[in-house]
Amino acid sequence: MRTEPERLLRRGFVLEGITLGWNVVGVVVLAVAAVRARSVALAGFGLDSLVEIGASTVVIWELSGTGEHRQRRALRLIGVAFVVLAIYITVQSAYVLIVGHHAHHSPLGIAWTAVTAVVMFTLAAGKARTGAALGNPVLQTEGRVTFIDGLLATAVLAGLVLNAGFGAWWADPVAGFVIVFYGLREAYAIFRDEL
């Protein structure tokens, strides 16, 4: 029979495995939707899914070993990924706003981001509880990353709906800036805790 820490560790692996699988599929779905709609927000959210894949991989790696050095390194890798994502989306969103690019409607993007928001909020809650019970800051941090992923899905969904329903072409790149804001905020929190 498993001990409580073993059960919690297994739950952490399962939560990360589900997150990893969801985001691998999501990268493909979002790439198709972004290309069809020529949407910066969908492309940015797809890149965010790549960051989430990296973060989940780092957490699985961290959960398989122990040590403060390993935890710090894992957190740094997640923080760097957020900074790179923020830089890319800032440039892309600014360019789209400056040239006045109008993204097309994306029923696939709307459906995927709506379902993703629900899935990410559910996974985030599970990771937060499990990380707290284990006393594992990396799993707790990745739970915040997953929660942000849910918020970003909601922001992208709002941009897509505004564009499709009301012709608000600017909502697509603005949703990209929401991703930048949350990504930089999370990276700052990670690096601040390192000091």
N, C-alpha and C. Protein backbone atom coordinates (compact mmCIF):
# COMPACT_ATOMS: atom_id res chain seq x y z
N MET A 1 0.84 -1.20 0.00
CA MET A 1 0.00 0.00 0.00
C MET A 1 0.88 1.25 0.00
N ARG A 2 0.49 2.24 -0.78
CA ARG A 2 1.29 3.46 -0.90
C ARG A 2 1.13 4.36 0.32
N THR A 3 2.22 5.06 0.65
CA THR A 3 2.15 6.07 1.70
C THR A 3 1.53 7.33 1.10
N GLU A 4 1.15 8.25 1.97
CA GLU A 4 0.54 9.50 1.51
C GLU A 4 1.48 10.29 0.60
N PRO A 5 2.78 10.45 0.95
CA PRO A 5 3.67 11.17 0.04
C PRO A 5 3.80 10.48 -1.34
N GLU A 6 3.82 9.16 -1.35
CA GLU A 6 3.90 8.44 -2.63
C GLU A 6 2.64 8.66 -3.46
N ARG A 7 1.50 8.66 -2.81
CA ARG A 7 0.23 8.89 -3.50
C ARG A 7 0.18 10.31 -4.08
N LEU A 8 0.64 11.28 -3.29
CA LEU A 8 0.66 12.67 -3.75
C LEU A 8 1.64 12.85 -4.91
N LEU A 9 2.79 12.21 -4.82
CA LEU A 9 3.78 12.29 -5.89
C LEU A 9 3.22 11.69 -7.18
N ARG A 10 2.55 10.57 -7.04
CA ARG A 10 1.93 9.95 -8.22
C ARG A 10 0.88 10.88 -8.82
N ARG A 11 0.07 11.51 -7.96
CA ARG A 11 -0.94 12.46 -8.46
C ARG A 11 -0.27 13.62 -9.20
N GLY A 12 0.87 14.11 -8.68
CA GLY A 12 1.61 15.17 -9.35
C GLY A 12 2.05 14.74 -10.75
N PHE A 13 2.56 13.50 -10.86
CA PHE A 13 2.96 12.98 -12.17
C PHE A 13 1.76 12.88 -13.12
N VAL A 14 0.63 12.42 -12.61
CA VAL A 14 -0.57 12.28 -13.45
C VAL A 14 -1.05 13.65 -13.93
N LEU A 15 -1.10 14.63 -13.03
CA LEU A 15 -1.53 15.98 -13.42
C LEU A 15 -0.61 16.57 -14.48
N GLU A 16 0.68 16.38 -14.30
CA GLU A 16 1.63 16.90 -15.30
C GLU A 16 1.52 16.14 -16.62
N GLY A 17 1.27 14.84 -16.54
CA GLY A 17 1.10 14.04 -17.76
C GLY A 17 -0.11 14.49 -18.56
N ILE A 18 -1.21 14.77 -17.87
CA ILE A 18 -2.42 15.25 -18.55
C ILE A 18 -2.14 16.61 -19.18
N THR A 19 -1.48 17.49 -18.43
CA THR A 19 -1.14 18.82 -18.95
C THR A 19 -0.27 18.71 -20.19
N LEU A 20 0.73 17.85 -20.10
CA LEU A 20 1.65 17.65 -21.22
C LEU A 20 0.91 17.15 -22.46
N GLY A 21 0.08 16.13 -22.29
CA GLY A 21 -0.68 15.58 -23.40
C GLY A 21 -1.63 16.60 -24.01
N TRP A 22 -2.35 17.33 -23.17
CA TRP A 22 -3.29 18.34 -23.66
C TRP A 22 -2.57 19.39 -24.50
N ASN A 23 -1.42 19.85 -24.00
CA ASN A 23 -0.70 20.91 -24.71
C ASN A 23 -0.01 20.43 -25.97
N VAL A 24 0.39 19.17 -26.02
CA VAL A 24 0.96 18.63 -27.27
C VAL A 24 -0.10 18.66 -28.36
N VAL A 25 -1.31 18.19 -28.02
CA VAL A 25 -2.41 18.25 -28.98
C VAL A 25 -2.74 19.71 -29.29
N GLY A 26 -2.73 20.56 -28.25
CA GLY A 26 -3.06 21.97 -28.42
C GLY A 26 -2.14 22.70 -29.37
N VAL A 27 -0.85 22.39 -29.34
CA VAL A 27 0.09 23.05 -30.25
C VAL A 27 -0.32 22.80 -31.69
N VAL A 28 -0.72 21.58 -31.99
CA VAL A 28 -1.12 21.24 -33.36
C VAL A 28 -2.42 21.95 -33.72
N VAL A 29 -3.42 21.85 -32.84
CA VAL A 29 -4.71 22.49 -33.10
C VAL A 29 -4.55 24.00 -33.26
N LEU A 30 -3.78 24.61 -32.37
CA LEU A 30 -3.59 26.06 -32.42
C LEU A 30 -2.79 26.49 -33.64
N ALA A 31 -1.82 25.68 -34.05
CA ALA A 31 -1.05 26.01 -35.25
C ALA A 31 -1.97 26.04 -36.47
N VAL A 32 -2.82 25.03 -36.58
CA VAL A 32 -3.77 24.98 -37.71
C VAL A 32 -4.72 26.17 -37.64
N ALA A 33 -5.29 26.43 -36.46
CA ALA A 33 -6.24 27.54 -36.31
C ALA A 33 -5.56 28.88 -36.56
N ALA A 34 -4.34 29.06 -36.07
CA ALA A 34 -3.62 30.33 -36.24
C ALA A 34 -3.31 30.60 -37.71
N VAL A 35 -2.87 29.58 -38.43
CA VAL A 35 -2.55 29.75 -39.84
C VAL A 35 -3.81 30.05 -40.64
N ARG A 36 -4.88 29.31 -40.38
CA ARG A 36 -6.13 29.55 -41.11
C ARG A 36 -6.68 30.96 -40.88
N ALA A 37 -6.62 31.40 -39.61
CA ALA A 37 -7.21 32.70 -39.27
C ALA A 37 -6.19 33.84 -39.36
N ARG A 38 -4.92 33.49 -39.51
CA ARG A 38 -3.83 34.48 -39.48
C ARG A 38 -3.93 35.31 -38.21
N SER A 39 -4.04 34.58 -37.08
CA SER A 39 -4.28 35.18 -35.78
C SER A 39 -3.02 35.20 -34.92
N VAL A 40 -2.65 36.39 -34.49
CA VAL A 40 -1.51 36.54 -33.58
C VAL A 40 -1.85 35.93 -32.22
N ALA A 41 -3.06 36.14 -31.74
CA ALA A 41 -3.44 35.62 -30.43
C ALA A 41 -3.38 34.09 -30.41
N LEU A 42 -3.89 33.45 -31.45
CA LEU A 42 -3.83 31.99 -31.51
C LEU A 42 -2.40 31.49 -31.63
N ALA A 43 -1.58 32.18 -32.43
CA ALA A 43 -0.17 31.79 -32.55
C ALA A 43 0.54 31.97 -31.21
N GLY A 44 0.26 33.08 -30.53
CA GLY A 44 0.86 33.31 -29.22
C GLY A 44 0.43 32.29 -28.20
N PHE A 45 -0.85 31.93 -28.25
CA PHE A 45 -1.35 30.92 -27.32
C PHE A 45 -0.73 29.56 -27.63
N GLY A 46 -0.50 29.29 -28.91
CA GLY A 46 0.20 28.05 -29.28
C GLY A 46 1.62 28.04 -28.74
N LEU A 47 2.29 29.19 -28.82
CA LEU A 47 3.64 29.28 -28.24
C LEU A 47 3.58 29.14 -26.72
N ASP A 48 2.54 29.70 -26.10
CA ASP A 48 2.36 29.51 -24.66
C ASP A 48 2.19 28.03 -24.35
N SER A 49 1.50 27.29 -25.22
CA SER A 49 1.36 25.85 -25.01
C SER A 49 2.72 25.16 -25.09
N LEU A 50 3.61 25.66 -25.94
CA LEU A 50 4.98 25.12 -25.98
C LEU A 50 5.70 25.38 -24.66
N VAL A 51 5.51 26.58 -24.09
CA VAL A 51 6.11 26.88 -22.79
C VAL A 51 5.54 25.94 -21.74
N GLU A 52 4.24 25.72 -21.79
CA GLU A 52 3.60 24.81 -20.83
C GLU A 52 4.13 23.38 -21.00
N ILE A 53 4.39 22.96 -22.23
CA ILE A 53 5.00 21.64 -22.46
C ILE A 53 6.37 21.59 -21.79
N GLY A 54 7.15 22.65 -22.00
CA GLY A 54 8.47 22.73 -21.36
C GLY A 54 8.36 22.73 -19.85
N ALA A 55 7.41 23.50 -19.32
CA ALA A 55 7.24 23.58 -17.87
C ALA A 55 6.82 22.22 -17.29
N SER A 56 5.91 21.54 -17.96
CA SER A 56 5.48 20.22 -17.49
C SER A 56 6.63 19.22 -17.53
N THR A 57 7.43 19.29 -18.60
CA THR A 57 8.58 18.41 -18.71
C THR A 57 9.57 18.67 -17.58
N VAL A 58 9.80 19.96 -17.28
CA VAL A 58 10.70 20.33 -16.19
C VAL A 58 10.17 19.82 -14.86
N VAL A 59 8.87 19.94 -14.63
CA VAL A 59 8.29 19.49 -13.36
C VAL A 59 8.37 17.97 -13.24
N ILE A 60 8.10 17.25 -14.32
CA ILE A 60 8.24 15.79 -14.29
C ILE A 60 9.68 15.42 -13.96
N TRP A 61 10.63 16.12 -14.58
CA TRP A 61 12.05 15.90 -14.29
C TRP A 61 12.34 16.18 -12.82
N GLU A 62 11.80 17.29 -12.31
CA GLU A 62 12.05 17.67 -10.92
C GLU A 62 11.40 16.69 -9.94
N LEU A 63 10.20 16.23 -10.25
CA LEU A 63 9.51 15.29 -9.36
C LEU A 63 10.23 13.95 -9.28
N SER A 64 11.00 13.62 -10.30
CA SER A 64 11.70 12.33 -10.30
C SER A 64 12.98 12.37 -9.47
N GLY A 65 13.37 13.53 -8.98
CA GLY A 65 14.54 13.67 -8.13
C GLY A 65 14.24 14.65 -7.02
N THR A 66 15.21 14.89 -6.19
CA THR A 66 15.00 15.84 -5.10
C THR A 66 16.17 16.79 -5.01
N GLY A 67 16.01 17.78 -4.21
CA GLY A 67 17.11 18.70 -3.96
C GLY A 67 16.75 20.12 -4.33
N GLU A 68 17.21 21.03 -3.50
CA GLU A 68 16.91 22.44 -3.71
C GLU A 68 17.56 22.97 -4.99
N HIS A 69 18.77 22.50 -5.29
CA HIS A 69 19.45 22.95 -6.51
C HIS A 69 18.63 22.58 -7.74
N ARG A 70 18.09 21.38 -7.76
CA ARG A 70 17.28 20.92 -8.89
C ARG A 70 16.00 21.76 -9.01
N GLN A 71 15.39 22.11 -7.88
CA GLN A 71 14.18 22.92 -7.88
C GLN A 71 14.47 24.32 -8.43
N ARG A 72 15.57 24.94 -7.97
CA ARG A 72 15.91 26.29 -8.46
C ARG A 72 16.16 26.28 -9.96
N ARG A 73 16.86 25.28 -10.41
CA ARG A 73 17.16 25.19 -11.84
C ARG A 73 15.86 25.03 -12.65
N ALA A 74 14.95 24.19 -12.16
CA ALA A 74 13.68 23.98 -12.84
C ALA A 74 12.89 25.28 -12.91
N LEU A 75 12.84 26.03 -11.82
CA LEU A 75 12.12 27.29 -11.80
C LEU A 75 12.74 28.30 -12.76
N ARG A 76 14.07 28.35 -12.83
CA ARG A 76 14.75 29.26 -13.75
C ARG A 76 14.40 28.95 -15.20
N LEU A 77 14.37 27.68 -15.54
CA LEU A 77 14.03 27.28 -16.91
C LEU A 77 12.63 27.74 -17.29
N ILE A 78 11.70 27.59 -16.37
CA ILE A 78 10.32 28.04 -16.61
C ILE A 78 10.29 29.56 -16.79
N GLY A 79 11.02 30.30 -15.95
CA GLY A 79 11.06 31.75 -16.04
C GLY A 79 11.64 32.24 -17.36
N VAL A 80 12.72 31.64 -17.81
CA VAL A 80 13.34 32.02 -19.09
C VAL A 80 12.37 31.78 -20.24
N ALA A 81 11.66 30.67 -20.21
CA ALA A 81 10.70 30.38 -21.27
C ALA A 81 9.62 31.47 -21.34
N PHE A 82 9.18 31.97 -20.20
CA PHE A 82 8.18 33.03 -20.19
C PHE A 82 8.73 34.33 -20.77
N VAL A 83 9.97 34.65 -20.49
CA VAL A 83 10.57 35.88 -21.02
C VAL A 83 10.67 35.81 -22.55
N VAL A 84 11.13 34.67 -23.06
CA VAL A 84 11.25 34.49 -24.51
C VAL A 84 9.88 34.62 -25.18
N LEU A 85 8.87 33.98 -24.59
CA LEU A 85 7.51 34.06 -25.11
C LEU A 85 7.02 35.52 -25.13
N ALA A 86 7.26 36.25 -24.06
CA ALA A 86 6.80 37.64 -23.96
C ALA A 86 7.45 38.52 -25.03
N ILE A 87 8.74 38.33 -25.26
CA ILE A 87 9.43 39.13 -26.28
C ILE A 87 8.84 38.87 -27.65
N TYR A 88 8.68 37.60 -27.99
CA TYR A 88 8.15 37.26 -29.31
C TYR A 88 6.75 37.85 -29.52
N ILE A 89 5.87 37.65 -28.56
CA ILE A 89 4.48 38.10 -28.73
C ILE A 89 4.39 39.63 -28.74
N THR A 90 5.24 40.30 -27.97
CA THR A 90 5.25 41.77 -27.99
C THR A 90 5.56 42.29 -29.39
N VAL A 91 6.61 41.75 -29.99
CA VAL A 91 7.00 42.18 -31.33
C VAL A 91 5.88 41.88 -32.33
N GLN A 92 5.36 40.67 -32.27
CA GLN A 92 4.33 40.25 -33.22
C GLN A 92 3.04 41.07 -33.07
N SER A 93 2.58 41.26 -31.84
CA SER A 93 1.34 42.02 -31.61
C SER A 93 1.51 43.49 -32.00
N ALA A 94 2.66 44.07 -31.67
CA ALA A 94 2.90 45.47 -32.04
C ALA A 94 2.90 45.61 -33.56
N TYR A 95 3.54 44.71 -34.26
CA TYR A 95 3.57 44.76 -35.72
C TYR A 95 2.15 44.69 -36.30
N VAL A 96 1.36 43.76 -35.78
CA VAL A 96 -0.01 43.58 -36.29
C VAL A 96 -0.84 44.84 -36.05
N LEU A 97 -0.70 45.47 -34.89
CA LEU A 97 -1.44 46.70 -34.62
C LEU A 97 -0.98 47.84 -35.53
N ILE A 98 0.32 47.93 -35.74
CA ILE A 98 0.86 49.02 -36.56
C ILE A 98 0.39 48.90 -38.01
N VAL A 99 0.43 47.69 -38.56
CA VAL A 99 0.03 47.53 -39.97
C VAL A 99 -1.48 47.36 -40.13
N GLY A 100 -2.20 47.20 -39.03
CA GLY A 100 -3.65 47.07 -39.10
C GLY A 100 -4.12 45.74 -39.68
N HIS A 101 -3.37 44.67 -39.40
CA HIS A 101 -3.74 43.34 -39.90
C HIS A 101 -5.05 42.86 -39.26
N HIS A 102 -5.96 42.37 -40.09
CA HIS A 102 -7.24 41.85 -39.61
C HIS A 102 -7.22 40.32 -39.65
N ALA A 103 -7.28 39.70 -38.48
CA ALA A 103 -7.33 38.23 -38.42
C ALA A 103 -8.72 37.77 -38.88
N HIS A 104 -8.77 36.58 -39.47
CA HIS A 104 -10.05 36.00 -39.88
C HIS A 104 -10.72 35.37 -38.66
N HIS A 105 -11.98 35.00 -38.84
CA HIS A 105 -12.71 34.31 -37.76
C HIS A 105 -12.17 32.90 -37.62
N SER A 106 -12.26 32.35 -36.39
CA SER A 106 -11.73 31.02 -36.14
C SER A 106 -12.65 30.22 -35.21
N PRO A 107 -13.64 29.52 -35.80
CA PRO A 107 -14.49 28.67 -34.97
C PRO A 107 -13.67 27.59 -34.23
N LEU A 108 -12.66 27.04 -34.90
CA LEU A 108 -11.79 26.04 -34.25
C LEU A 108 -11.06 26.66 -33.07
N GLY A 109 -10.52 27.86 -33.25
CA GLY A 109 -9.83 28.55 -32.16
C GLY A 109 -10.76 28.87 -31.01
N ILE A 110 -11.97 29.29 -31.31
CA ILE A 110 -12.95 29.60 -30.25
C ILE A 110 -13.28 28.34 -29.46
N ALA A 111 -13.55 27.24 -30.15
CA ALA A 111 -13.90 25.99 -29.45
C ALA A 111 -12.73 25.49 -28.61
N TRP A 112 -11.53 25.50 -29.19
CA TRP A 112 -10.37 24.96 -28.47
C TRP A 112 -10.04 25.80 -27.23
N THR A 113 -10.04 27.13 -27.37
CA THR A 113 -9.69 27.96 -26.21
C THR A 113 -10.75 27.88 -25.11
N ALA A 114 -12.01 27.71 -25.48
CA ALA A 114 -13.06 27.57 -24.46
C ALA A 114 -12.86 26.30 -23.64
N VAL A 115 -12.63 25.20 -24.32
CA VAL A 115 -12.43 23.92 -23.60
C VAL A 115 -11.11 23.96 -22.83
N THR A 116 -10.08 24.55 -23.41
CA THR A 116 -8.78 24.63 -22.75
C THR A 116 -8.87 25.41 -21.45
N ALA A 117 -9.63 26.49 -21.44
CA ALA A 117 -9.77 27.27 -20.21
C ALA A 117 -10.29 26.40 -19.07
N VAL A 118 -11.32 25.63 -19.33
CA VAL A 118 -11.90 24.76 -18.29
C VAL A 118 -10.89 23.71 -17.84
N VAL A 119 -10.22 23.07 -18.79
CA VAL A 119 -9.25 22.02 -18.46
C VAL A 119 -8.10 22.60 -17.64
N MET A 120 -7.57 23.76 -18.04
CA MET A 120 -6.41 24.34 -17.34
C MET A 120 -6.77 24.80 -15.93
N PHE A 121 -7.94 25.39 -15.74
CA PHE A 121 -8.34 25.80 -14.39
C PHE A 121 -8.48 24.58 -13.47
N THR A 122 -9.00 23.49 -14.01
CA THR A 122 -9.15 22.26 -13.22
C THR A 122 -7.79 21.68 -12.86
N LEU A 123 -6.89 21.59 -13.84
CA LEU A 123 -5.54 21.07 -13.57
C LEU A 123 -4.78 21.96 -12.60
N ALA A 124 -4.92 23.27 -12.74
CA ALA A 124 -4.22 24.21 -11.86
C ALA A 124 -4.63 24.00 -10.41
N ALA A 125 -5.91 23.82 -10.17
CA ALA A 125 -6.38 23.59 -8.80
C ALA A 125 -5.79 22.31 -8.23
N GLY A 126 -5.75 21.27 -9.03
CA GLY A 126 -5.16 20.00 -8.58
C GLY A 126 -3.68 20.13 -8.28
N LYS A 127 -2.95 20.85 -9.12
CA LYS A 127 -1.51 21.04 -8.91
C LYS A 127 -1.24 21.87 -7.66
N ALA A 128 -2.04 22.91 -7.45
CA ALA A 128 -1.85 23.76 -6.28
C ALA A 128 -2.04 22.95 -5.00
N ARG A 129 -3.11 22.16 -4.95
CA ARG A 129 -3.36 21.34 -3.75
C ARG A 129 -2.27 20.29 -3.55
N THR A 130 -1.91 19.61 -4.62
CA THR A 130 -0.92 18.54 -4.54
C THR A 130 0.45 19.11 -4.19
N GLY A 131 0.84 20.21 -4.84
CA GLY A 131 2.13 20.85 -4.55
C GLY A 131 2.22 21.32 -3.10
N ALA A 132 1.12 21.91 -2.59
CA ALA A 132 1.11 22.36 -1.20
C ALA A 132 1.22 21.18 -0.25
N ALA A 133 0.50 20.10 -0.53
CA ALA A 133 0.54 18.92 0.34
C ALA A 133 1.93 18.27 0.33
N LEU A 134 2.59 18.30 -0.81
CA LEU A 134 3.95 17.74 -0.93
C LEU A 134 5.02 18.70 -0.42
N GLY A 135 4.68 19.98 -0.30
CA GLY A 135 5.68 20.99 0.04
C GLY A 135 6.65 21.18 -1.11
N ASN A 136 6.12 21.10 -2.35
CA ASN A 136 6.96 21.17 -3.54
C ASN A 136 6.71 22.50 -4.26
N PRO A 137 7.66 23.47 -4.16
CA PRO A 137 7.45 24.78 -4.78
C PRO A 137 7.41 24.74 -6.30
N VAL A 138 8.09 23.77 -6.91
CA VAL A 138 8.09 23.70 -8.37
C VAL A 138 6.70 23.30 -8.87
N LEU A 139 6.08 22.30 -8.26
CA LEU A 139 4.74 21.89 -8.66
C LEU A 139 3.73 23.01 -8.38
N GLN A 140 3.91 23.72 -7.27
CA GLN A 140 3.02 24.84 -6.97
C GLN A 140 3.19 25.96 -8.01
N THR A 141 4.43 26.27 -8.37
CA THR A 141 4.68 27.30 -9.38
C THR A 141 4.09 26.89 -10.72
N GLU A 142 4.28 25.63 -11.09
CA GLU A 142 3.73 25.16 -12.36
C GLU A 142 2.20 25.15 -12.32
N GLY A 143 1.64 24.99 -11.12
CA GLY A 143 0.18 25.14 -10.97
C GLY A 143 -0.25 26.56 -11.30
N ARG A 144 0.57 27.56 -10.89
CA ARG A 144 0.26 28.96 -11.25
C ARG A 144 0.40 29.17 -12.75
N VAL A 145 1.42 28.52 -13.34
CA VAL A 145 1.59 28.61 -14.79
C VAL A 145 0.35 28.06 -15.50
N THR A 146 -0.16 26.95 -15.00
CA THR A 146 -1.35 26.33 -15.60
C THR A 146 -2.57 27.22 -15.39
N PHE A 147 -2.68 27.85 -14.23
CA PHE A 147 -3.78 28.78 -13.98
C PHE A 147 -3.70 29.95 -14.97
N ILE A 148 -2.49 30.47 -15.17
CA ILE A 148 -2.30 31.56 -16.13
C ILE A 148 -2.67 31.09 -17.53
N ASP A 149 -2.34 29.84 -17.84
CA ASP A 149 -2.73 29.28 -19.13
C ASP A 149 -4.25 29.32 -19.29
N GLY A 150 -4.99 29.03 -18.22
CA GLY A 150 -6.45 29.13 -18.25
C GLY A 150 -6.91 30.57 -18.45
N LEU A 151 -6.25 31.52 -17.77
CA LEU A 151 -6.58 32.94 -17.96
C LEU A 151 -6.29 33.38 -19.39
N LEU A 152 -5.17 32.92 -19.91
CA LEU A 152 -4.81 33.29 -21.27
C LEU A 152 -5.79 32.71 -22.28
N ALA A 153 -6.22 31.47 -22.05
CA ALA A 153 -7.23 30.88 -22.93
C ALA A 153 -8.49 31.73 -22.92
N THR A 154 -8.86 32.21 -21.73
CA THR A 154 -10.04 33.06 -21.60
C THR A 154 -9.86 34.38 -22.34
N ALA A 155 -8.65 34.99 -22.21
CA ALA A 155 -8.38 36.26 -22.89
C ALA A 155 -8.38 36.08 -24.41
N VAL A 156 -7.75 35.01 -24.87
CA VAL A 156 -7.72 34.75 -26.32
C VAL A 156 -9.14 34.49 -26.82
N LEU A 157 -9.90 33.71 -26.06
CA LEU A 157 -11.30 33.45 -26.41
C LEU A 157 -12.08 34.75 -26.55
N ALA A 158 -11.90 35.66 -25.60
CA ALA A 158 -12.60 36.95 -25.66
C ALA A 158 -12.20 37.71 -26.93
N GLY A 159 -10.90 37.72 -27.24
CA GLY A 159 -10.43 38.40 -28.46
C GLY A 159 -11.02 37.80 -29.71
N LEU A 160 -11.06 36.47 -29.76
CA LEU A 160 -11.61 35.78 -30.93
C LEU A 160 -13.11 36.05 -31.09
N VAL A 161 -13.83 36.04 -29.98
CA VAL A 161 -15.27 36.28 -30.02
C VAL A 161 -15.55 37.74 -30.42
N LEU A 162 -14.78 38.68 -29.87
CA LEU A 162 -14.97 40.09 -30.24
C LEU A 162 -14.69 40.30 -31.73
N ASN A 163 -13.65 39.64 -32.23
CA ASN A 163 -13.32 39.76 -33.65
C ASN A 163 -14.42 39.14 -34.51
N ALA A 164 -14.85 37.93 -34.15
CA ALA A 164 -15.86 37.22 -34.96
C ALA A 164 -17.23 37.87 -34.85
N GLY A 165 -17.61 38.29 -33.64
CA GLY A 165 -18.97 38.78 -33.44
C GLY A 165 -19.16 40.25 -33.74
N PHE A 166 -18.09 41.04 -33.55
CA PHE A 166 -18.25 42.49 -33.65
C PHE A 166 -17.25 43.15 -34.59
N GLY A 167 -16.44 42.35 -35.27
CA GLY A 167 -15.45 42.91 -36.19
C GLY A 167 -14.34 43.70 -35.52
N ALA A 168 -14.12 43.44 -34.24
CA ALA A 168 -13.08 44.15 -33.48
C ALA A 168 -11.72 43.53 -33.78
N TRP A 169 -11.14 43.88 -34.94
CA TRP A 169 -9.90 43.26 -35.40
C TRP A 169 -8.75 43.46 -34.42
N TRP A 170 -8.76 44.57 -33.70
CA TRP A 170 -7.71 44.91 -32.75
C TRP A 170 -7.72 44.00 -31.51
N ALA A 171 -8.83 43.30 -31.28
CA ALA A 171 -8.93 42.44 -30.09
C ALA A 171 -7.95 41.27 -30.16
N ASP A 172 -7.63 40.81 -31.37
CA ASP A 172 -6.70 39.70 -31.52
C ASP A 172 -5.30 40.05 -31.02
N PRO A 173 -4.66 41.13 -31.50
CA PRO A 173 -3.33 41.47 -30.96
C PRO A 173 -3.37 41.93 -29.51
N VAL A 174 -4.47 42.56 -29.09
CA VAL A 174 -4.58 42.96 -27.69
C VAL A 174 -4.58 41.73 -26.79
N ALA A 175 -5.26 40.67 -27.22
CA ALA A 175 -5.22 39.41 -26.46
C ALA A 175 -3.78 38.90 -26.38
N GLY A 176 -3.00 39.12 -27.42
CA GLY A 176 -1.58 38.76 -27.38
C GLY A 176 -0.85 39.51 -26.28
N PHE A 177 -1.16 40.80 -26.11
CA PHE A 177 -0.51 41.58 -25.04
C PHE A 177 -0.91 41.08 -23.65
N VAL A 178 -2.10 40.53 -23.51
CA VAL A 178 -2.49 39.94 -22.23
C VAL A 178 -1.55 38.78 -21.91
N ILE A 179 -1.22 37.98 -22.92
CA ILE A 179 -0.28 36.87 -22.72
C ILE A 179 1.07 37.42 -22.28
N VAL A 180 1.52 38.51 -22.89
CA VAL A 180 2.80 39.12 -22.53
C VAL A 180 2.78 39.56 -21.07
N PHE A 181 1.73 40.25 -20.67
CA PHE A 181 1.63 40.75 -19.30
C PHE A 181 1.75 39.61 -18.29
N TYR A 182 0.94 38.58 -18.46
CA TYR A 182 0.97 37.48 -17.50
C TYR A 182 2.28 36.70 -17.56
N GLY A 183 2.83 36.54 -18.75
CA GLY A 183 4.10 35.83 -18.87
C GLY A 183 5.22 36.55 -18.14
N LEU A 184 5.31 37.88 -18.33
CA LEU A 184 6.35 38.65 -17.65
C LEU A 184 6.12 38.70 -16.14
N ARG A 185 4.87 38.78 -15.75
CA ARG A 185 4.57 38.79 -14.32
C ARG A 185 5.02 37.48 -13.66
N GLU A 186 4.76 36.38 -14.32
CA GLU A 186 5.15 35.08 -13.76
C GLU A 186 6.67 34.93 -13.76
N ALA A 187 7.33 35.37 -14.83
CA ALA A 187 8.80 35.30 -14.87
C ALA A 187 9.39 36.16 -13.76
N TYR A 188 8.85 37.35 -13.56
CA TYR A 188 9.33 38.23 -12.49
C TYR A 188 9.19 37.55 -11.13
N ALA A 189 8.04 36.92 -10.90
CA ALA A 189 7.82 36.24 -9.61
C ALA A 189 8.84 35.13 -9.40
N ILE A 190 9.13 34.40 -10.46
CA ILE A 190 10.10 33.30 -10.35
C ILE A 190 11.48 33.85 -10.03
N PHE A 191 11.93 34.85 -10.77
CA PHE A 191 13.29 35.39 -10.57
C PHE A 191 13.40 36.18 -9.29
N ARG A 192 12.32 36.85 -8.87
CA ARG A 192 12.33 37.58 -7.60
C ARG A 192 12.55 36.64 -6.44
N ASP A 193 11.89 35.49 -6.47
CA ASP A 193 12.03 34.50 -5.40
C ASP A 193 13.43 33.90 -5.36
N GLU A 194 14.16 33.99 -6.47
CA GLU A 194 15.52 33.47 -6.53
C GLU A 194 16.50 34.36 -5.78
N LEU A 195 16.18 35.66 -5.70
CA LEU A 195 17.12 36.62 -5.09
C LEU A 195 17.12 36.56 -3.58
